[in-house]
PDB file of all heavy atoms in Angstrom:
ATOM      1  N   PRO A   1       0.735  18.069   3.187  1.00  0.00           N
ATOM      2  CA  PRO A   1       1.712  16.990   3.423  1.00  0.00           C
ATOM      3  C   PRO A   1       1.664  15.882   2.365  1.00  0.00           C
ATOM      4  O   PRO A   1       2.695  15.278   2.051  1.00  0.00           O
ATOM      5  CB  PRO A   1       1.312  16.443   4.798  1.00  0.00           C
ATOM      6  CG  PRO A   1       0.640  17.594   5.464  1.00  0.00           C
ATOM      7  CD  PRO A   1      -0.068  18.354   4.379  1.00  0.00           C
ATOM      8  N   TYR A   2       0.487  15.621   1.817  1.00  0.00           N
ATOM      9  CA  TYR A   2       0.397  14.604   0.765  1.00  0.00           C
ATOM     10  C   TYR A   2       1.134  15.054  -0.492  1.00  0.00           C
ATOM     11  O   TYR A   2       1.902  14.292  -1.087  1.00  0.00           O
ATOM     12  CB  TYR A   2      -1.070  14.308   0.453  1.00  0.00           C
ATOM     13  CG  TYR A   2      -1.250  13.325  -0.689  1.00  0.00           C
ATOM     14  CD1 TYR A   2      -0.759  12.037  -0.601  1.00  0.00           C
ATOM     15  CD2 TYR A   2      -1.906  13.694  -1.871  1.00  0.00           C
ATOM     16  CE1 TYR A   2      -0.912  11.127  -1.628  1.00  0.00           C
ATOM     17  CE2 TYR A   2      -2.066  12.805  -2.896  1.00  0.00           C
ATOM     18  CZ  TYR A   2      -1.563  11.520  -2.778  1.00  0.00           C
ATOM     19  OH  TYR A   2      -1.720  10.630  -3.822  1.00  0.00           O
ATOM     20  N   THR A   3       0.914  16.303  -0.911  1.00  0.00           N
ATOM     21  CA  THR A   3       1.620  16.833  -2.076  1.00  0.00           C
ATOM     22  C   THR A   3       3.120  16.829  -1.840  1.00  0.00           C
ATOM     23  O   THR A   3       3.912  16.464  -2.714  1.00  0.00           O
ATOM     24  CB  THR A   3       1.149  18.265  -2.394  1.00  0.00           C
ATOM     25  OG1 THR A   3      -0.276  18.310  -2.394  1.00  0.00           O
ATOM     26  CG2 THR A   3       1.656  18.717  -3.741  1.00  0.00           C
ATOM     27  N   GLN A   4       3.529  17.226  -0.651  1.00  0.00           N
ATOM     28  CA  GLN A   4       4.967  17.211  -0.308  1.00  0.00           C
ATOM     29  C   GLN A   4       5.516  15.798  -0.403  1.00  0.00           C
ATOM     30  O   GLN A   4       6.639  15.590  -0.881  1.00  0.00           O
ATOM     31  CB  GLN A   4       5.162  17.778   1.099  1.00  0.00           C
ATOM     32  CG  GLN A   4       4.804  19.261   1.208  1.00  0.00           C
ATOM     33  CD  GLN A   4       4.742  19.749   2.643  1.00  0.00           C
ATOM     34  OE1 GLN A   4       4.875  18.962   3.581  1.00  0.00           O
ATOM     35  NE2 GLN A   4       4.538  21.046   2.826  1.00  0.00           N
ATOM     36  N   GLY A   5       4.742  14.814   0.057  1.00  0.00           N
ATOM     37  CA  GLY A   5       5.179  13.424  -0.043  1.00  0.00           C
ATOM     38  C   GLY A   5       5.326  12.954  -1.471  1.00  0.00           C
ATOM     39  O   GLY A   5       6.260  12.208  -1.795  1.00  0.00           O
ATOM     40  N   LEU A   6       4.417  13.394  -2.349  1.00  0.00           N
ATOM     41  CA  LEU A   6       4.528  13.023  -3.760  1.00  0.00           C
ATOM     42  C   LEU A   6       5.820  13.569  -4.366  1.00  0.00           C
ATOM     43  O   LEU A   6       6.508  12.878  -5.118  1.00  0.00           O
ATOM     44  CB  LEU A   6       3.321  13.566  -4.538  1.00  0.00           C
ATOM     45  CG  LEU A   6       1.957  12.936  -4.257  1.00  0.00           C
ATOM     46  CD1 LEU A   6       0.876  13.612  -5.102  1.00  0.00           C
ATOM     47  CD2 LEU A   6       1.974  11.439  -4.559  1.00  0.00           C
ATOM     48  N   PHE A   7       6.159  14.811  -4.028  1.00  0.00           N
ATOM     49  CA  PHE A   7       7.388  15.398  -4.563  1.00  0.00           C
ATOM     50  C   PHE A   7       8.635  14.712  -4.016  1.00  0.00           C
ATOM     51  O   PHE A   7       9.617  14.523  -4.742  1.00  0.00           O
ATOM     52  CB  PHE A   7       7.424  16.901  -4.274  1.00  0.00           C
ATOM     53  CG  PHE A   7       6.616  17.729  -5.228  1.00  0.00           C
ATOM     54  CD1 PHE A   7       5.383  18.247  -4.863  1.00  0.00           C
ATOM     55  CD2 PHE A   7       7.078  17.980  -6.505  1.00  0.00           C
ATOM     56  CE1 PHE A   7       4.628  18.996  -5.745  1.00  0.00           C
ATOM     57  CE2 PHE A   7       6.327  18.732  -7.399  1.00  0.00           C
ATOM     58  CZ  PHE A   7       5.113  19.251  -7.026  1.00  0.00           C
ATOM     59  N   ARG A   8       8.605  14.337  -2.740  1.00  0.00           N
ATOM     60  CA  ARG A   8       9.772  13.663  -2.154  1.00  0.00           C
ATOM     61  C   ARG A   8       9.991  12.287  -2.757  1.00  0.00           C
ATOM     62  O   ARG A   8      11.114  11.777  -2.751  1.00  0.00           O
ATOM     63  CB  ARG A   8       9.605  13.536  -0.634  1.00  0.00           C
ATOM     64  CG  ARG A   8       9.793  14.838   0.126  1.00  0.00           C
ATOM     65  CD  ARG A   8       9.999  14.565   1.609  1.00  0.00           C
ATOM     66  NE  ARG A   8       8.839  13.912   2.193  1.00  0.00           N
ATOM     67  CZ  ARG A   8       7.822  14.551   2.752  1.00  0.00           C
ATOM     68  NH1 ARG A   8       7.825  15.880   2.823  1.00  0.00           N
ATOM     69  NH2 ARG A   8       6.811  13.884   3.284  1.00  0.00           N
ATOM     70  N   SER A   9       8.936  11.683  -3.284  1.00  0.00           N
ATOM     71  CA  SER A   9       9.060  10.331  -3.850  1.00  0.00           C
ATOM     72  C   SER A   9       9.539  10.331  -5.300  1.00  0.00           C
ATOM     73  O   SER A   9       9.697   9.264  -5.894  1.00  0.00           O
ATOM     74  CB  SER A   9       7.707   9.615  -3.762  1.00  0.00           C
ATOM     75  OG  SER A   9       6.754  10.227  -4.615  1.00  0.00           O
ATOM     76  N   MET A  10       9.768  11.507  -5.867  1.00  0.00           N
ATOM     77  CA  MET A  10      10.217  11.601  -7.264  1.00  0.00           C
ATOM     78  C   MET A  10      11.737  11.506  -7.338  1.00  0.00           C
ATOM     79  O   MET A  10      12.444  12.077  -6.500  1.00  0.00           O
ATOM     80  CB  MET A  10       9.772  12.922  -7.884  1.00  0.00           C
ATOM     81  CG  MET A  10       8.290  13.068  -8.097  1.00  0.00           C
ATOM     82  SD  MET A  10       7.909  14.718  -8.766  1.00  0.00           S
ATOM     83  CE  MET A  10       8.774  14.652 -10.339  1.00  0.00           C
ATOM     84  N   PRO A  11      12.283  10.789  -8.338  1.00  0.00           N
ATOM     85  CA  PRO A  11      13.737  10.794  -8.545  1.00  0.00           C
ATOM     86  C   PRO A  11      14.224  12.208  -8.871  1.00  0.00           C
ATOM     87  O   PRO A  11      13.524  12.976  -9.517  1.00  0.00           O
ATOM     88  CB  PRO A  11      13.928   9.853  -9.741  1.00  0.00           C
ATOM     89  CG  PRO A  11      12.665   9.081  -9.859  1.00  0.00           C
ATOM     90  CD  PRO A  11      11.585   9.963  -9.321  1.00  0.00           C
ATOM     91  N   LYS A  12      15.426  12.535  -8.418  1.00  0.00           N
ATOM     92  CA  LYS A  12      15.992  13.860  -8.643  1.00  0.00           C
ATOM     93  C   LYS A  12      17.137  13.771  -9.636  1.00  0.00           C
ATOM     94  O   LYS A  12      18.021  12.926  -9.518  1.00  0.00           O
ATOM     95  CB  LYS A  12      16.473  14.462  -7.324  1.00  0.00           C
ATOM     96  CG  LYS A  12      15.349  14.679  -6.314  1.00  0.00           C
ATOM     97  CD  LYS A  12      15.895  15.175  -4.979  1.00  0.00           C
ATOM     98  CE  LYS A  12      14.752  15.396  -3.988  1.00  0.00           C
ATOM     99  NZ  LYS A  12      14.037  14.147  -3.674  1.00  0.00           N
ATOM    100  N   LEU A  13      17.111  14.651 -10.617  1.00  0.00           N
ATOM    101  CA  LEU A  13      18.133  14.664 -11.649  1.00  0.00           C
ATOM    102  C   LEU A  13      19.497  14.984 -11.036  1.00  0.00           C
ATOM    103  O   LEU A  13      19.656  15.937 -10.279  1.00  0.00           O
ATOM    104  CB  LEU A  13      17.781  15.721 -12.702  1.00  0.00           C
ATOM    105  CG  LEU A  13      18.634  15.742 -13.979  1.00  0.00           C
ATOM    106  CD1 LEU A  13      18.443  14.455 -14.763  1.00  0.00           C
ATOM    107  CD2 LEU A  13      18.258  16.947 -14.843  1.00  0.00           C
ATOM    108  N   GLY A  14      20.490  14.167 -11.354  1.00  0.00           N
ATOM    109  CA  GLY A  14      21.848  14.408 -10.885  1.00  0.00           C
ATOM    110  C   GLY A  14      22.157  13.814  -9.531  1.00  0.00           C
ATOM    111  O   GLY A  14      23.305  13.875  -9.070  1.00  0.00           O
ATOM    112  N   VAL A  15      21.151  13.252  -8.843  1.00  0.00           N
ATOM    113  CA  VAL A  15      21.370  12.631  -7.537  1.00  0.00           C
ATOM    114  C   VAL A  15      21.467  11.129  -7.716  1.00  0.00           C
ATOM    115  O   VAL A  15      20.548  10.492  -8.228  1.00  0.00           O
ATOM    116  CB  VAL A  15      20.221  12.976  -6.554  1.00  0.00           C
ATOM    117  CG1 VAL A  15      20.456  12.279  -5.207  1.00  0.00           C
ATOM    118  CG2 VAL A  15      20.126  14.478  -6.367  1.00  0.00           C
ATOM    119  N   LYS A  16      22.609  10.550  -7.315  1.00  0.00           N
ATOM    120  CA  LYS A  16      22.846   9.131  -7.514  1.00  0.00           C
ATOM    121  C   LYS A  16      22.780   8.377  -6.181  1.00  0.00           C
ATOM    122  O   LYS A  16      23.146   8.904  -5.135  1.00  0.00           O
ATOM    123  CB  LYS A  16      24.217   8.908  -8.151  1.00  0.00           C
ATOM    124  CG  LYS A  16      24.379   9.513  -9.546  1.00  0.00           C
ATOM    125  CD  LYS A  16      25.756   9.210 -10.091  1.00  0.00           C
ATOM    126  CE  LYS A  16      25.923   9.818 -11.497  1.00  0.00           C
ATOM    127  NZ  LYS A  16      27.265   9.554 -12.053  1.00  0.00           N
ATOM    128  N   HIS A  17      22.307   7.149  -6.281  1.00  0.00           N
ATOM    129  CA  HIS A  17      22.334   6.215  -5.158  1.00  0.00           C
ATOM    130  C   HIS A  17      21.575   6.736  -3.933  1.00  0.00           C
ATOM    131  O   HIS A  17      21.932   6.450  -2.810  1.00  0.00           O
ATOM    132  CB  HIS A  17      23.784   5.891  -4.760  1.00  0.00           C
ATOM    133  CG  HIS A  17      24.644   5.510  -5.913  1.00  0.00           C
ATOM    134  ND1 HIS A  17      24.364   4.425  -6.715  1.00  0.00           N
ATOM    135  CD2 HIS A  17      25.776   6.074  -6.422  1.00  0.00           C
ATOM    136  CE1 HIS A  17      25.286   4.324  -7.658  1.00  0.00           C
ATOM    137  NE2 HIS A  17      26.155   5.320  -7.514  1.00  0.00           N
ATOM    138  N   GLU A  18      20.593   7.554  -4.160  1.00  0.00           N
ATOM    139  CA  GLU A  18      19.774   8.037  -3.050  1.00  0.00           C
ATOM    140  C   GLU A  18      18.460   7.276  -3.035  1.00  0.00           C
ATOM    141  O   GLU A  18      17.747   7.204  -4.035  1.00  0.00           O
ATOM    142  CB  GLU A  18      19.501   9.534  -3.195  1.00  0.00           C
ATOM    143  CG  GLU A  18      18.641  10.092  -2.061  1.00  0.00           C
ATOM    144  CD  GLU A  18      18.371  11.582  -2.216  1.00  0.00           C
ATOM    145  OE1 GLU A  18      19.313  12.330  -2.524  1.00  0.00           O
ATOM    146  OE2 GLU A  18      17.213  11.992  -2.031  1.00  0.00           O
ATOM    147  N   ARG A  19      18.138   6.696  -1.894  1.00  0.00           N
ATOM    148  CA  ARG A  19      16.896   5.951  -1.777  1.00  0.00           C
ATOM    149  C   ARG A  19      15.707   6.911  -1.782  1.00  0.00           C
ATOM    150  O   ARG A  19      15.689   7.903  -1.046  1.00  0.00           O
ATOM    151  CB  ARG A  19      16.889   5.136  -0.481  1.00  0.00           C
ATOM    152  CG  ARG A  19      15.689   4.211  -0.347  1.00  0.00           C
ATOM    153  CD  ARG A  19      15.792   3.382   0.935  1.00  0.00           C
ATOM    154  NE  ARG A  19      14.663   2.495   1.064  1.00  0.00           N
ATOM    155  CZ  ARG A  19      14.565   1.297   0.502  1.00  0.00           C
ATOM    156  NH1 ARG A  19      15.574   0.844  -0.231  1.00  0.00           N
ATOM    157  NH2 ARG A  19      13.500   0.546   0.670  1.00  0.00           N
ATOM    158  N   LEU A  20      14.731   6.601  -2.626  1.00  0.00           N
ATOM    159  CA  LEU A  20      13.549   7.470  -2.703  1.00  0.00           C
ATOM    160  C   LEU A  20      12.708   7.328  -1.453  1.00  0.00           C
ATOM    161  O   LEU A  20      12.559   6.238  -0.893  1.00  0.00           O
ATOM    162  CB  LEU A  20      12.709   7.107  -3.926  1.00  0.00           C
ATOM    163  CG  LEU A  20      13.344   7.337  -5.299  1.00  0.00           C
ATOM    164  CD1 LEU A  20      12.382   6.861  -6.394  1.00  0.00           C
ATOM    165  CD2 LEU A  20      13.680   8.793  -5.509  1.00  0.00           C
ATOM    166  N   GLU A  21      12.162   8.451  -1.006  1.00  0.00           N
ATOM    167  CA  GLU A  21      11.227   8.415   0.111  1.00  0.00           C
ATOM    168  C   GLU A  21       9.872   7.915  -0.356  1.00  0.00           C
ATOM    169  O   GLU A  21       9.485   8.097  -1.517  1.00  0.00           O
ATOM    170  CB  GLU A  21      11.077   9.806   0.719  1.00  0.00           C
ATOM    171  CG  GLU A  21      12.328  10.337   1.388  1.00  0.00           C
ATOM    172  CD  GLU A  21      12.063  11.630   2.140  1.00  0.00           C
ATOM    173  OE1 GLU A  21      10.987  11.726   2.772  1.00  0.00           O
ATOM    174  OE2 GLU A  21      12.913  12.529   2.077  1.00  0.00           O
ATOM    175  N   THR A  22       9.163   7.270   0.508  1.00  0.00           N
ATOM    176  CA  THR A  22       7.828   6.766   0.178  1.00  0.00           C
ATOM    177  C   THR A  22       6.815   7.305   1.183  1.00  0.00           C
ATOM    178  O   THR A  22       7.175   7.694   2.303  1.00  0.00           O
ATOM    179  CB  THR A  22       7.794   5.227   0.197  1.00  0.00           C
ATOM    180  OG1 THR A  22       8.132   4.770   1.511  1.00  0.00           O
ATOM    181  CG2 THR A  22       8.751   4.645  -0.817  1.00  0.00           C
ATOM    182  N   ILE A  23       5.567   7.318   0.760  1.00  0.00           N
ATOM    183  CA  ILE A  23       4.477   7.655   1.679  1.00  0.00           C
ATOM    184  C   ILE A  23       3.986   6.338   2.284  1.00  0.00           C
ATOM    185  O   ILE A  23       3.568   5.447   1.538  1.00  0.00           O
ATOM    186  CB  ILE A  23       3.317   8.366   0.937  1.00  0.00           C
ATOM    187  CG1 ILE A  23       3.819   9.634   0.247  1.00  0.00           C
ATOM    188  CG2 ILE A  23       2.201   8.701   1.907  1.00  0.00           C
ATOM    189  CD1 ILE A  23       2.776  10.303  -0.617  1.00  0.00           C
ATOM    190  N   PRO A  24       4.088   6.160   3.582  1.00  0.00           N
ATOM    191  CA  PRO A  24       3.699   4.878   4.177  1.00  0.00           C
ATOM    192  C   PRO A  24       2.211   4.590   3.973  1.00  0.00           C
ATOM    193  O   PRO A  24       1.388   5.490   3.823  1.00  0.00           O
ATOM    194  CB  PRO A  24       4.024   5.058   5.664  1.00  0.00           C
ATOM    195  CG  PRO A  24       4.005   6.541   5.883  1.00  0.00           C
ATOM    196  CD  PRO A  24       4.496   7.145   4.605  1.00  0.00           C
ATOM    197  N   GLY A  25       1.873   3.296   3.961  1.00  0.00           N
ATOM    198  CA  GLY A  25       0.478   2.900   3.852  1.00  0.00           C
ATOM    199  C   GLY A  25      -0.060   3.003   2.440  1.00  0.00           C
ATOM    200  O   GLY A  25       0.674   3.147   1.463  1.00  0.00           O
ATOM    201  N   MET A  26      -1.377   2.946   2.319  1.00  0.00           N
ATOM    202  CA  MET A  26      -2.058   2.965   1.025  1.00  0.00           C
ATOM    203  C   MET A  26      -3.250   3.914   1.077  1.00  0.00           C
ATOM    204  O   MET A  26      -3.742   4.253   2.158  1.00  0.00           O
ATOM    205  CB  MET A  26      -2.536   1.556   0.661  1.00  0.00           C
ATOM    206  CG  MET A  26      -1.433   0.540   0.493  1.00  0.00           C
ATOM    207  SD  MET A  26      -2.077  -1.099   0.110  1.00  0.00           S
ATOM    208  CE  MET A  26      -2.838  -0.786  -1.480  1.00  0.00           C
ATOM    209  N   VAL A  27      -3.710   4.310  -0.111  1.00  0.00           N
ATOM    210  CA  VAL A  27      -4.943   5.106  -0.191  1.00  0.00           C
ATOM    211  C   VAL A  27      -6.088   4.260   0.372  1.00  0.00           C
ATOM    212  O   VAL A  27      -6.285   3.129  -0.065  1.00  0.00           O
ATOM    213  CB  VAL A  27      -5.251   5.511  -1.633  1.00  0.00           C
ATOM    214  CG1 VAL A  27      -6.563   6.281  -1.702  1.00  0.00           C
ATOM    215  CG2 VAL A  27      -4.128   6.330  -2.218  1.00  0.00           C
ATOM    216  N   PRO A  28      -6.827   4.762   1.347  1.00  0.00           N
ATOM    217  CA  PRO A  28      -7.919   3.955   1.916  1.00  0.00           C
ATOM    218  C   PRO A  28      -9.046   3.744   0.920  1.00  0.00           C
ATOM    219  O   PRO A  28      -9.313   4.595   0.066  1.00  0.00           O
ATOM    220  CB  PRO A  28      -8.386   4.794   3.114  1.00  0.00           C
ATOM    221  CG  PRO A  28      -8.005   6.202   2.759  1.00  0.00           C
ATOM    222  CD  PRO A  28      -6.732   6.093   1.966  1.00  0.00           C
ATOM    223  N   ALA A  29      -9.703   2.609   1.018  1.00  0.00           N
ATOM    224  CA  ALA A  29     -10.858   2.327   0.167  1.00  0.00           C
ATOM    225  C   ALA A  29     -11.999   3.255   0.541  1.00  0.00           C
ATOM    226  O   ALA A  29     -12.133   3.657   1.713  1.00  0.00           O
ATOM    227  CB  ALA A  29     -11.270   0.875   0.333  1.00  0.00           C
ATOM    228  N   PRO A  30     -12.852   3.629  -0.431  1.00  0.00           N
ATOM    229  CA  PRO A  30     -13.931   4.580  -0.145  1.00  0.00           C
ATOM    230  C   PRO A  30     -14.849   4.175   1.001  1.00  0.00           C
ATOM    231  O   PRO A  30     -15.385   5.034   1.695  1.00  0.00           O
ATOM    232  CB  PRO A  30     -14.699   4.631  -1.469  1.00  0.00           C
ATOM    233  CG  PRO A  30     -13.680   4.313  -2.502  1.00  0.00           C
ATOM    234  CD  PRO A  30     -12.782   3.297  -1.873  1.00  0.00           C
ATOM    235  N   GLY A  31     -15.018   2.879   1.212  1.00  0.00           N
ATOM    236  CA  GLY A  31     -15.888   2.445   2.311  1.00  0.00           C
ATOM    237  C   GLY A  31     -15.187   2.415   3.654  1.00  0.00           C
ATOM    238  O   GLY A  31     -15.818   2.111   4.676  1.00  0.00           O
ATOM    239  N   ARG A  32     -13.882   2.721   3.664  1.00  0.00           N
ATOM    240  CA  ARG A  32     -13.122   2.626   4.915  1.00  0.00           C
ATOM    241  C   ARG A  32     -12.293   3.889   5.168  1.00  0.00           C
ATOM    242  O   ARG A  32     -11.182   3.805   5.689  1.00  0.00           O
ATOM    243  CB  ARG A  32     -12.199   1.400   4.858  1.00  0.00           C
ATOM    244  CG  ARG A  32     -12.952   0.089   4.710  1.00  0.00           C
ATOM    245  CD  ARG A  32     -12.005  -1.083   4.619  1.00  0.00           C
ATOM    246  NE  ARG A  32     -12.724  -2.344   4.476  1.00  0.00           N
ATOM    247  CZ  ARG A  32     -12.131  -3.534   4.303  1.00  0.00           C
ATOM    248  NH1 ARG A  32     -10.801  -3.595   4.254  1.00  0.00           N
ATOM    249  NH2 ARG A  32     -12.847  -4.621   4.173  1.00  0.00           N
ATOM    250  N   PHE A  33     -12.822   5.023   4.799  1.00  0.00           N
ATOM    251  CA  PHE A  33     -12.109   6.265   5.067  1.00  0.00           C
ATOM    252  C   PHE A  33     -11.991   6.468   6.574  1.00  0.00           C
ATOM    253  O   PHE A  33     -12.960   6.264   7.319  1.00  0.00           O
ATOM    254  CB  PHE A  33     -12.833   7.462   4.454  1.00  0.00           C
ATOM    255  CG  PHE A  33     -12.715   7.546   2.959  1.00  0.00           C
ATOM    256  CD1 PHE A  33     -13.723   8.127   2.203  1.00  0.00           C
ATOM    257  CD2 PHE A  33     -11.593   7.076   2.293  1.00  0.00           C
ATOM    258  CE1 PHE A  33     -13.619   8.220   0.818  1.00  0.00           C
ATOM    259  CE2 PHE A  33     -11.472   7.175   0.914  1.00  0.00           C
ATOM    260  CZ  PHE A  33     -12.489   7.734   0.184  1.00  0.00           C
TER     261      PHE A  33
END
């Protein structure tokens, strides 16, 4: 699912005015996994 999220967040050639999807939240800090 993380890899899929990375691909969904990429701009697509030829697609106009489409809002990019984002992965919610942030990468957790190593001390707070």
